[in-house]
Protein backbone atom coordinates (compact mmCIF):
# COMPACT_ATOMS: atom_id res chain seq x y z
CA MET A 1 -35.79 28.44 8.90
CA GLU A 2 -32.90 28.90 11.34
CA TYR A 3 -31.61 25.72 12.97
CA ARG A 4 -29.66 25.76 16.22
CA THR A 5 -29.29 21.98 16.64
CA PHE A 6 -28.36 18.98 14.51
CA LEU A 7 -29.42 15.45 15.36
CA ILE A 8 -26.67 13.02 14.32
CA LYS A 9 -27.74 9.56 13.16
CA TYR A 10 -25.29 6.67 13.18
CA GLY A 11 -25.54 3.21 11.60
CA GLU A 12 -23.41 0.22 12.57
CA ILE A 13 -22.64 1.65 16.00
CA ALA A 14 -26.22 0.89 17.04
CA ILE A 15 -25.56 -2.89 16.91
CA LYS A 16 -22.39 -2.86 19.01
CA GLY A 17 -24.08 -4.08 22.19
CA ARG A 18 -22.30 -3.45 25.47
CA ASN A 19 -19.37 -1.75 23.70
CA ARG A 20 -21.59 0.77 21.93
CA TYR A 21 -20.66 3.60 24.28
CA LEU A 22 -17.00 3.29 23.19
CA PHE A 23 -17.95 3.86 19.56
CA GLU A 24 -20.33 6.69 20.49
CA ASP A 25 -17.58 8.39 22.49
CA ALA A 26 -15.17 8.01 19.56
CA LEU A 27 -17.78 9.54 17.24
CA VAL A 28 -18.31 12.47 19.61
CA ARG A 29 -14.53 13.09 19.65
CA GLN A 30 -14.36 13.00 15.85
CA ILE A 31 -17.29 15.42 15.54
CA ARG A 32 -15.64 17.85 17.95
CA HIS A 33 -12.37 17.57 16.06
CA SER A 34 -14.04 18.19 12.70
CA LEU A 35 -15.95 21.22 13.98
CA ARG A 36 -12.79 22.88 15.31
CA LYS A 37 -12.11 24.34 11.87
CA VAL A 38 -15.65 25.77 11.55
CA ASP A 39 -16.37 29.30 12.78
CA GLY A 40 -18.73 29.23 15.74
CA GLU A 41 -19.14 27.55 19.11
CA PHE A 42 -20.60 24.03 19.20
CA LYS A 43 -21.60 21.67 21.98
CA VAL A 44 -21.65 17.95 21.16
CA ARG A 45 -23.66 15.78 23.55
CA LYS A 46 -25.06 12.26 23.89
CA GLU A 47 -28.62 11.59 24.99
CA GLN A 48 -30.42 8.21 25.05
CA GLY A 49 -28.90 6.69 21.93
CA ARG A 50 -28.70 9.99 20.07
CA ILE A 51 -25.91 12.50 19.46
CA PHE A 52 -26.74 16.19 19.16
CA VAL A 53 -24.70 19.17 17.98
CA ASP A 54 -25.91 22.43 19.52
CA CYS A 55 -24.85 25.65 17.77
CA GLU A 56 -24.23 28.09 20.60
CA SER A 57 -23.21 31.10 18.49
CA GLU A 58 -23.56 32.40 14.96
CA TYR A 59 -22.41 29.78 12.46
CA ASP A 60 -22.40 28.97 8.76
CA PHE A 61 -24.94 26.22 8.03
CA ASP A 62 -23.33 24.91 4.83
CA GLU A 63 -19.81 24.92 6.29
CA THR A 64 -20.99 23.06 9.38
CA VAL A 65 -22.83 20.42 7.36
CA GLU A 66 -19.80 19.95 5.10
CA ALA A 67 -17.57 19.35 8.14
CA LEU A 68 -20.03 16.83 9.59
CA GLN A 69 -20.29 15.01 6.25
CA LYS A 70 -16.57 14.17 6.52
CA VAL A 71 -16.94 12.40 9.87
CA PHE A 72 -16.94 8.62 9.48
CA GLY A 73 -19.65 6.97 11.56
CA ILE A 74 -22.36 9.50 10.70
CA VAL A 75 -25.07 8.23 8.34
CA GLY A 76 -27.47 11.18 8.65
CA ILE A 77 -27.37 14.84 9.67
CA CYS A 78 -30.77 16.22 10.66
CA PRO A 79 -31.30 19.96 11.17
CA VAL A 80 -33.88 20.05 13.99
CA VAL A 81 -36.15 22.55 15.68
CA VAL A 82 -36.07 22.08 19.45
CA THR A 83 -39.11 22.98 21.53
CA GLU A 84 -39.91 22.69 25.22
CA ASP A 85 -42.63 20.28 26.35
CA GLU A 86 -45.30 22.77 27.34
CA GLY A 87 -48.33 20.72 26.46
CA PHE A 88 -49.70 19.15 23.30
CA ASP A 89 -51.35 22.34 22.04
CA LYS A 90 -47.95 24.03 22.06
CA LEU A 91 -46.44 21.06 20.16
CA LYS A 92 -49.20 21.25 17.51
CA ALA A 93 -48.55 24.97 17.07
CA ASP A 94 -44.79 24.38 16.76
CA VAL A 95 -45.26 21.60 14.18
CA VAL A 96 -47.68 23.69 12.11
CA ASP A 97 -45.24 26.62 12.27
CA TYR A 98 -42.37 24.35 11.15
CA VAL A 99 -44.30 22.96 8.18
CA GLY A 100 -45.45 26.41 7.12
CA LYS A 101 -41.90 27.80 7.12
CA VAL A 102 -40.11 24.84 5.52
CA TYR A 103 -42.85 23.95 2.98
CA PRO A 104 -44.65 27.25 2.33
CA ASP A 105 -46.37 26.05 -0.88
CA CYS A 106 -48.19 23.34 1.15
CA THR A 107 -48.68 20.96 -1.78
CA GLN A 108 -46.67 17.88 -0.76
CA THR A 109 -47.75 14.55 0.64
CA PHE A 110 -46.56 13.80 4.18
CA LYS A 111 -46.43 11.34 7.02
CA VAL A 112 -45.84 12.04 10.71
CA ASP A 113 -43.46 9.67 12.49
CA ALA A 114 -43.48 10.30 16.26
CA ARG A 115 -41.21 8.49 18.72
CA ARG A 116 -41.46 8.69 22.49
CA ALA A 117 -38.21 8.28 24.38
CA ARG A 118 -40.28 9.35 27.40
CA LYS A 119 -42.87 6.61 27.86
CA ASN A 120 -44.77 8.70 30.45
CA TYR A 121 -45.84 11.16 27.75
CA PRO A 122 -49.68 11.41 27.94
CA LYS A 123 -50.23 10.32 24.30
CA THR A 124 -49.04 7.21 22.49
CA SER A 125 -46.96 7.52 19.33
CA MET A 126 -49.96 6.59 17.18
CA GLU A 127 -52.10 9.25 18.86
CA VAL A 128 -49.39 11.87 18.35
CA ASN A 129 -49.12 10.90 14.66
CA ALA A 130 -52.89 11.19 14.12
CA ASP A 131 -53.38 14.44 16.03
CA LEU A 132 -50.37 16.21 14.49
CA GLY A 133 -51.39 15.01 11.02
CA GLU A 134 -54.86 16.45 11.59
CA ALA A 135 -53.39 19.79 12.68
CA ILE A 136 -51.22 19.95 9.55
CA LEU A 137 -54.15 19.18 7.25
CA GLU A 138 -56.24 21.90 8.89
CA SER A 139 -53.51 24.53 8.48
CA CYS A 140 -52.31 23.36 5.04
CA PRO A 141 -55.36 22.05 3.13
CA GLY A 142 -53.24 21.53 -0.01
CA MET A 143 -51.23 18.79 1.66
CA LYS A 144 -52.25 15.12 1.77
CA VAL A 145 -51.30 12.17 3.93
CA ASP A 146 -49.41 9.31 2.26
CA VAL A 147 -48.22 6.69 4.73
CA HIS A 148 -46.44 4.55 2.11
CA HIS A 149 -44.46 6.95 -0.11
CA PRO A 150 -44.65 10.44 1.43
CA GLN A 151 -42.71 13.33 -0.03
CA ILE A 152 -42.19 14.62 3.51
CA MET A 153 -41.39 12.37 6.47
CA LEU A 154 -42.00 14.63 9.47
CA SER A 155 -40.20 13.17 12.49
CA VAL A 156 -41.07 14.20 16.04
CA GLU A 157 -38.88 12.83 18.84
CA ILE A 158 -40.28 13.31 22.33
CA ARG A 159 -37.48 13.43 24.90
CA GLU A 160 -36.82 15.85 27.76
CA LYS A 161 -37.27 18.36 24.96
CA ILE A 162 -39.05 17.73 21.67
CA TYR A 163 -37.18 17.58 18.36
CA ILE A 164 -38.90 18.27 15.04
CA TYR A 165 -37.21 17.54 11.69
CA SER A 166 -37.93 16.37 8.15
CA THR A 167 -34.55 16.49 6.41
CA ILE A 168 -31.83 13.86 6.65
CA ILE A 169 -28.60 14.96 4.96
CA PRO A 170 -26.47 11.89 4.05
CA GLY A 171 -23.28 11.37 6.05
CA ALA A 172 -20.08 9.51 5.20
CA GLY A 173 -21.13 6.27 6.91
CA GLY A 174 -18.57 3.78 8.16
CA MET A 175 -17.05 3.65 11.64
CA PRO A 176 -15.45 6.41 13.75
CA VAL A 177 -11.73 6.77 13.07
CA GLY A 178 -9.57 5.21 15.78
CA THR A 179 -11.95 2.39 16.68
CA ASN A 180 -10.09 -0.19 14.56
CA GLY A 181 -6.41 0.52 15.15
CA LYS A 182 -3.85 2.17 12.86
CA ALA A 183 -2.30 1.27 9.50
CA MET A 184 0.44 2.62 7.22
CA LEU A 185 -0.67 3.86 3.79
CA LEU A 186 1.78 3.75 0.89
CA LEU A 187 0.80 7.07 -0.66
CA SER A 188 1.86 8.03 -4.17
CA GLY A 189 0.79 10.91 -6.37
CA GLY A 190 -1.69 8.78 -8.31
CA ILE A 191 -5.43 8.26 -8.18
CA ASP A 192 -5.53 4.92 -6.39
CA SER A 193 -3.67 5.26 -3.08
CA PRO A 194 -5.63 8.26 -1.69
CA VAL A 195 -8.85 6.36 -2.41
CA ALA A 196 -7.45 3.29 -0.64
CA GLY A 197 -6.61 5.42 2.40
CA TYR A 198 -10.09 6.93 2.42
CA MET A 199 -11.76 3.52 2.23
CA ILE A 200 -9.72 1.93 5.03
CA SER A 201 -10.17 5.02 7.20
CA LYS A 202 -13.93 4.71 6.64
CA ARG A 203 -13.75 1.42 8.53
CA GLY A 204 -12.42 3.20 11.61
CA VAL A 205 -8.68 2.82 10.94
CA GLU A 206 -6.33 5.66 11.84
CA LEU A 207 -3.72 6.45 9.16
CA ASP A 208 -0.03 7.15 8.90
CA ALA A 209 1.51 7.35 5.43
CA VAL A 210 4.81 6.91 3.61
CA TYR A 211 5.81 8.53 0.31
CA PHE A 212 8.88 7.56 -1.72
CA HIS A 213 10.55 10.64 -3.20
CA ALA A 214 13.29 10.44 -5.87
CA PRO A 215 15.02 13.80 -6.28
CA PRO A 216 16.20 15.11 -8.71
CA TYR A 217 14.11 12.76 -10.89
CA THR A 218 10.96 13.85 -9.06
CA SER A 219 10.46 17.50 -8.24
CA GLU A 220 9.39 19.36 -5.11
CA ARG A 221 6.09 19.93 -6.91
CA ALA A 222 5.60 16.14 -6.95
CA LYS A 223 6.25 16.02 -3.21
CA GLN A 224 3.83 18.91 -2.58
CA LYS A 225 1.22 17.11 -4.65
CA VAL A 226 1.42 14.12 -2.29
CA VAL A 227 1.22 16.42 0.76
CA ASP A 228 -1.91 17.94 -0.77
CA LEU A 229 -3.40 14.47 -1.32
CA ALA A 230 -2.59 13.55 2.28
CA ARG A 231 -4.41 16.69 3.39
CA ILE A 232 -7.50 15.69 1.36
CA VAL A 233 -7.54 12.25 3.00
CA ALA A 234 -6.85 13.78 6.42
CA ALA A 235 -10.09 15.78 6.14
CA TYR A 236 -11.79 12.41 6.68
CA SER A 237 -9.19 10.40 8.62
CA GLY A 238 -7.83 13.03 10.98
CA PRO A 239 -4.13 14.05 11.14
CA ILE A 240 -1.69 11.92 9.12
CA ARG A 241 2.04 11.61 9.85
CA LEU A 242 3.54 11.51 6.35
CA HIS A 243 6.99 9.90 6.07
CA VAL A 244 8.87 11.27 3.03
CA VAL A 245 11.61 8.76 2.13
CA ASN A 246 14.47 9.70 -0.21
CA PHE A 247 14.47 6.62 -2.43
CA THR A 248 16.81 7.80 -5.22
CA ASP A 249 20.00 5.97 -4.25
CA ILE A 250 18.13 2.69 -3.69
CA GLN A 251 16.44 2.96 -7.07
CA LEU A 252 19.69 3.76 -8.89
CA TYR A 253 21.46 0.83 -7.22
CA ILE A 254 18.67 -1.60 -8.16
CA TYR A 255 18.72 -0.17 -11.70
CA GLU A 256 22.48 -0.82 -11.87
CA LYS A 257 22.54 -4.34 -10.43
CA CYS A 258 19.24 -6.08 -11.27
CA PRO A 259 17.58 -7.23 -14.51
CA HIS A 260 15.57 -4.33 -15.88
CA GLU A 261 12.42 -6.37 -16.41
CA GLU A 262 12.41 -7.00 -12.63
CA LEU A 263 13.00 -3.37 -11.59
CA THR A 264 9.42 -2.55 -10.64
CA ILE A 265 8.94 -5.66 -8.49
CA ILE A 266 12.28 -5.32 -6.68
CA MET A 267 11.78 -1.59 -6.06
CA ARG A 268 8.31 -2.33 -4.78
CA ARG A 269 9.66 -4.98 -2.42
CA TYR A 270 12.08 -2.47 -0.90
CA MET A 271 9.32 0.10 -0.56
CA MET A 272 7.29 -2.45 1.39
CA ARG A 273 10.27 -3.26 3.63
CA ILE A 274 10.80 0.42 4.47
CA ALA A 275 7.08 1.11 4.90
CA GLU A 276 6.86 -1.84 7.28
CA HIS A 277 9.76 -0.46 9.32
CA PHE A 278 7.88 2.79 9.92
CA ALA A 279 4.61 0.91 10.44
CA LYS A 280 6.10 -1.09 13.29
CA GLU A 281 7.65 2.05 14.79
CA SER A 282 4.18 3.65 14.81
CA ASN A 283 2.41 0.56 16.18
CA CYS A 284 0.50 0.07 12.94
CA LEU A 285 -1.33 -3.20 12.44
CA GLY A 286 -0.87 -3.42 8.68
CA LEU A 287 0.08 -1.77 5.39
CA ILE A 288 -2.39 -0.26 2.89
CA THR A 289 -1.84 0.00 -0.85
CA GLY A 290 -3.97 1.15 -3.77
CA GLU A 291 -3.33 -1.95 -5.88
CA SER A 292 -6.02 -3.52 -8.05
CA ILE A 293 -5.59 -6.94 -9.67
CA GLY A 294 -4.26 -6.67 -13.23
CA GLN A 295 -4.28 -2.88 -13.46
CA VAL A 296 -0.53 -2.71 -14.28
CA ALA A 297 2.32 -5.21 -14.55
CA SER A 298 3.22 -4.91 -10.86
CA GLN A 299 -0.36 -5.74 -9.85
CA THR A 300 -0.85 -9.20 -11.33
CA MET A 301 -1.55 -11.98 -8.86
CA GLN A 302 2.04 -13.21 -9.21
CA SER A 303 3.43 -9.70 -8.70
CA LEU A 304 1.32 -9.11 -5.60
CA ALA A 305 2.50 -12.43 -4.19
CA ALA A 306 6.12 -11.41 -4.82
CA THR A 307 5.50 -8.14 -3.02
CA ASN A 308 3.79 -9.81 -0.06
CA ASP A 309 6.78 -12.12 0.28
CA VAL A 310 8.84 -9.46 2.10
CA CYS A 311 6.08 -8.40 4.53
CA THR A 312 5.44 -9.71 8.02
CA LEU A 313 2.49 -7.36 8.60
CA PRO A 314 -0.76 -7.93 6.68
CA VAL A 315 -1.22 -5.88 3.50
CA TYR A 316 -4.71 -4.44 2.99
CA ARG A 317 -5.79 -3.65 -0.57
CA PRO A 318 -9.31 -2.17 -0.46
CA LEU A 319 -9.35 -1.57 -4.23
CA ILE A 320 -8.30 -5.10 -5.15
CA GLY A 321 -11.47 -5.92 -7.14
CA PHE A 322 -12.28 -2.43 -8.45
CA ASP A 323 -11.95 -1.33 -12.04
CA LYS A 324 -10.40 2.06 -12.83
CA GLN A 325 -13.67 3.92 -13.32
CA GLU A 326 -14.96 2.82 -9.93
CA ILE A 327 -11.77 4.16 -8.35
CA VAL A 328 -12.03 7.43 -10.29
CA ASP A 329 -15.64 7.85 -9.13
CA ILE A 330 -14.57 7.70 -5.47
CA SER A 331 -11.60 9.99 -6.17
CA LEU A 332 -14.03 12.55 -7.61
CA LYS A 333 -16.37 12.10 -4.65
CA ILE A 334 -13.63 12.99 -2.14
CA ASP A 335 -12.25 15.83 -4.30
CA ALA A 336 -8.88 14.13 -4.81
CA TYR A 337 -9.07 13.51 -8.56
CA GLU A 338 -7.98 16.94 -9.82
CA THR A 339 -4.93 16.85 -7.57
CA SER A 340 -4.09 13.25 -8.48
CA ILE A 341 -3.95 13.99 -12.21
CA LEU A 342 -1.56 16.94 -11.91
CA PRO A 343 1.41 16.17 -14.23
CA PHE A 344 4.12 15.66 -11.60
CA GLU A 345 5.61 12.17 -11.78
CA ASP A 346 6.39 10.01 -8.76
CA CYS A 347 9.30 7.62 -8.36
CA CYS A 348 7.27 4.63 -9.57
CA THR A 349 6.91 6.11 -13.05
CA ILE A 350 10.54 7.23 -13.51
CA PHE A 351 12.32 3.86 -13.54
CA VAL A 352 9.84 1.75 -15.48
CA ALA A 353 11.15 -1.04 -17.72
CA LYS A 354 9.97 -1.23 -21.31
CA HIS A 355 8.96 -4.86 -20.83
CA PRO A 356 8.37 -5.51 -17.11
CA VAL A 357 7.87 -9.06 -15.94
CA THR A 358 4.18 -9.75 -15.32
CA LYS A 359 4.48 -13.20 -13.75
CA PRO A 360 7.53 -12.97 -11.52
CA ASN A 361 8.84 -16.06 -9.79
CA VAL A 362 9.57 -15.26 -6.14
CA ASN A 363 12.68 -17.48 -6.07
CA VAL A 364 14.09 -15.75 -9.16
CA ILE A 365 13.42 -12.33 -7.62
CA ARG A 366 15.18 -13.36 -4.40
CA ARG A 367 18.24 -14.49 -6.39
CA SER A 368 18.31 -11.17 -8.23
CA GLU A 369 18.24 -9.32 -4.91
CA LEU A 370 21.41 -11.18 -3.84
CA LYS A 371 23.25 -8.93 -6.32
CA LEU A 372 22.41 -6.00 -4.02
CA GLU A 373 24.02 -7.47 -0.89
CA GLU A 374 27.11 -5.25 -0.98
CA LYS A 375 25.37 -1.92 -0.36
CA ILE A 376 21.61 -2.30 -0.03
CA GLU A 377 21.41 -2.54 3.77
CA GLU A 378 23.45 0.63 4.13
CA LEU A 379 21.30 2.46 1.57
CA VAL A 380 18.08 1.38 3.29
CA LYS A 381 19.49 2.47 6.67
CA THR A 382 20.40 5.89 5.25
CA ALA A 383 16.96 6.27 3.64
CA ILE A 384 15.27 5.51 6.96
CA GLU A 385 17.52 7.83 8.96
CA THR A 386 17.05 10.75 6.56
CA THR A 387 13.27 10.40 6.26
CA GLU A 388 11.33 13.63 6.73
CA VAL A 389 8.13 13.39 8.77
CA ILE A 390 5.36 15.89 8.07
CA THR A 391 2.17 16.07 10.13
CA VAL A 392 -0.67 16.78 7.71
CA GLU A 393 -4.08 17.97 8.93
């Protein structure tokens, strides 16, 4: 069966009331953006609470579906056969032809689910269901009707044209990117932060990102690994402006002046300060991290509180209650896992104390940071001014 149109089903958008058109328009824009990288010409259109993708040239079915499955806001992708309304006999013939081509063995149970967007159609939905079901049984005697648990749910939508489909390919769900503002993702080379970016983006949030690089202790391969992870997330979120911050001098200065058991917390606090600077420059509404309670020493409740202490923007932690396997499962789902486990260390793993503090006292940490007063502002200023910005798509 050759399909020239996809019906796009959305979920939460349907309950948005008077603002629904804004979310629909955002979804249409995201679909068009995602299909730009697919060979072929596509027309995306809205019609009476539905979005359709018309394939106006030769195209690759699997490649097109894969692109649509990365668009947040889509819950179902339905390959449809479109037929003109030329009378009910023509519709019966088209439905019988569809069933014969898609289910040639004719042994499944089925149910017809007709919906009339045009209420002036000469038959009611129930009459259409009964008459089309009868036509299918006559042409495919091996099939049976099962209205409760059918193997095939044959949908027929009667609009200006008539749409016939029986397959719903799952979409990514969520909300269209850009409908809930922008946030700054602290992106490392690990498993957690790309998953955190994916999950926040799924709620309609546009992403920028910041990565803390520590040459020569971290290599260019480590930096490229993070760029590759940003590209994986960007397949769902849209383009990401990745800020690559040279963090080496700040880390070495903290290592020289501060108690070693507090290194991770103090370094993390300066990362948050710098990330927040770029977040405010980019009009972001918050910071995103991949932290999960208790996963490592810097992610205890006390450590997270010490980190939050330096932030004026909210910090969103979508993985906060996840265990590691749950995070790995999502990383595998979005094809980030194999990149995340490549053996190129980031700056967080280079300067790790043997016995890091797990229950830091914020007042003690603040006093330790006073030892940095001589040079830290200058080092932070230099790090910000020398930051490299890469647009990742």
